């Protein structure tokens, strides 16, 4: 079991940047991967970025070239640097961990990102 706490969201203008943090209650190297999801109003939750234990990253097409996921194993924290933000990036952002081939069933509270002028 692990508790994940997301932070760093806020209100930003289009074209702006935010850095999200996901702090885990235990070592993140215990897990095969850590991912950032988002859920916009009226839409399903989607995986936007992930990073494996070995540091391999993956992104959904809509954020490629704009978002960067990274990890600090010593701090048990995963980050999501979001640049060139668009209104369609507005959502609640959550992190999750992959273990045994499955993402964890429980979710944290997430952090709200709102992109608006």
Protein backbone atom coordinates (compact mmCIF):
# COMPACT_ATOMS: atom_id res chain seq x y z
CA UNK A 1 0.00 0.00 0.00
CA UNK A 2 1.20 3.49 -0.77
CA UNK A 3 -0.22 6.94 -0.25
CA UNK A 4 0.31 9.47 -3.02
CA UNK A 5 -0.08 13.21 -2.56
CA UNK A 6 -0.28 15.48 -5.57
CA UNK A 7 0.52 19.18 -5.46
CA UNK A 8 1.55 22.12 -7.61
CA UNK A 9 -1.65 22.83 -9.51
CA UNK A 10 -3.17 26.24 -9.97
CA UNK A 11 -4.52 28.82 -12.37
CA UNK A 12 -2.26 29.71 -15.28
CA UNK A 13 -2.69 31.60 -18.53
CA UNK A 14 -2.44 29.84 -21.89
CA UNK A 15 1.21 29.40 -22.79
CA UNK A 16 2.24 29.29 -19.17
CA UNK A 17 3.95 26.58 -17.15
CA UNK A 18 3.35 24.56 -14.00
CA UNK A 19 5.30 21.86 -12.21
CA UNK A 20 3.32 19.16 -10.46
CA UNK A 21 4.72 16.95 -7.72
CA UNK A 22 3.66 13.49 -6.59
CA UNK A 23 5.02 12.51 -3.19
CA UNK A 24 4.86 8.84 -2.23
CA UNK A 25 4.77 7.43 1.29
CA UNK A 26 7.26 4.73 0.39
CA UNK A 27 10.04 4.11 -2.08
CA UNK A 28 8.92 4.58 -5.66
CA UNK A 29 11.54 2.13 -6.88
CA UNK A 30 9.27 -0.58 -5.45
CA UNK A 31 6.94 0.00 -8.41
CA UNK A 32 7.34 -0.81 -12.09
CA UNK A 33 6.26 2.68 -13.10
CA UNK A 34 4.66 5.88 -11.91
CA UNK A 35 2.15 7.73 -14.02
CA UNK A 36 0.32 11.01 -14.19
CA UNK A 37 -3.35 10.90 -15.12
CA UNK A 38 -5.83 13.68 -15.64
CA UNK A 39 -9.59 13.96 -15.67
CA UNK A 40 -11.40 16.88 -17.24
CA UNK A 41 -15.06 17.62 -16.46
CA UNK A 42 -17.32 15.19 -18.27
CA UNK A 43 -14.41 13.12 -19.57
CA UNK A 44 -12.79 9.87 -18.57
CA UNK A 45 -9.54 9.80 -16.70
CA UNK A 46 -6.59 9.43 -19.08
CA UNK A 47 -2.95 8.54 -18.64
CA UNK A 48 -0.86 11.44 -19.89
CA UNK A 49 2.68 10.49 -18.86
CA UNK A 50 4.55 7.65 -17.24
CA UNK A 51 8.06 6.80 -16.17
CA UNK A 52 9.39 3.32 -15.48
CA UNK A 53 11.71 2.22 -12.73
CA UNK A 54 14.47 2.35 -15.32
CA UNK A 55 13.61 5.89 -16.38
CA UNK A 56 11.83 5.16 -19.67
CA UNK A 57 9.14 7.74 -20.30
CA UNK A 58 5.94 7.72 -22.30
CA UNK A 59 3.43 10.43 -23.19
CA UNK A 60 0.00 10.73 -24.74
CA UNK A 61 0.24 12.43 -28.12
CA UNK A 62 -1.57 15.57 -26.98
CA UNK A 63 1.22 16.48 -24.50
CA UNK A 64 4.33 15.30 -26.35
CA UNK A 65 6.90 18.04 -26.59
CA UNK A 66 5.18 20.09 -23.89
CA UNK A 67 5.16 17.90 -20.77
CA UNK A 68 8.13 16.20 -19.12
CA UNK A 69 7.90 13.55 -16.43
CA UNK A 70 10.84 12.96 -14.11
CA UNK A 71 11.58 11.23 -10.83
CA UNK A 72 13.73 11.74 -7.76
CA UNK A 73 14.08 8.35 -6.11
CA UNK A 74 15.80 9.81 -3.07
CA UNK A 75 12.77 12.00 -2.38
CA UNK A 76 10.20 9.38 -3.45
CA UNK A 77 8.75 12.03 -5.71
CA UNK A 78 7.72 12.18 -9.35
CA UNK A 79 7.30 15.47 -11.18
CA UNK A 80 5.37 16.62 -14.21
CA UNK A 81 6.73 19.75 -15.84
CA UNK A 82 4.03 21.25 -18.03
CA UNK A 83 4.95 23.94 -20.53
CA UNK A 84 3.00 25.73 -23.27
CA UNK A 85 -0.22 24.97 -21.45
CA UNK A 86 -3.49 25.05 -23.35
CA UNK A 87 -7.07 25.41 -22.19
CA UNK A 88 -7.63 21.76 -23.02
CA UNK A 89 -5.07 20.82 -20.37
CA UNK A 90 -7.52 21.97 -17.72
CA UNK A 91 -8.25 18.99 -15.48
CA UNK A 92 -7.61 17.41 -12.11
CA UNK A 93 -4.24 15.70 -12.26
CA UNK A 94 -3.55 12.48 -10.32
CA UNK A 95 -0.57 10.21 -9.96
CA UNK A 96 -0.62 6.46 -9.63
CA UNK A 97 1.79 3.54 -9.46
CA UNK A 98 2.02 0.42 -11.58
CA UNK A 99 2.71 -2.84 -9.82
CA UNK A 100 2.07 -6.41 -10.86
CA UNK A 101 0.97 -5.15 -14.25
CA UNK A 102 -1.88 -3.09 -12.82
CA UNK A 103 -2.36 0.51 -11.77
CA UNK A 104 -3.39 0.93 -8.15
CA UNK A 105 -7.17 0.96 -7.57
CA UNK A 106 -7.19 3.83 -5.09
CA UNK A 107 -6.53 7.46 -5.97
CA UNK A 108 -5.35 10.52 -4.15
CA UNK A 109 -7.16 13.84 -4.10
CA UNK A 110 -5.40 15.14 -7.16
CA UNK A 111 -4.40 18.69 -7.95
CA UNK A 112 -6.48 21.07 -10.05
CA UNK A 113 -4.90 22.67 -13.10
CA UNK A 114 -6.86 25.44 -14.76
CA UNK A 115 -5.59 27.09 -17.93
CA UNK A 116 -7.51 30.24 -18.66
CA UNK A 117 -6.98 33.87 -19.57
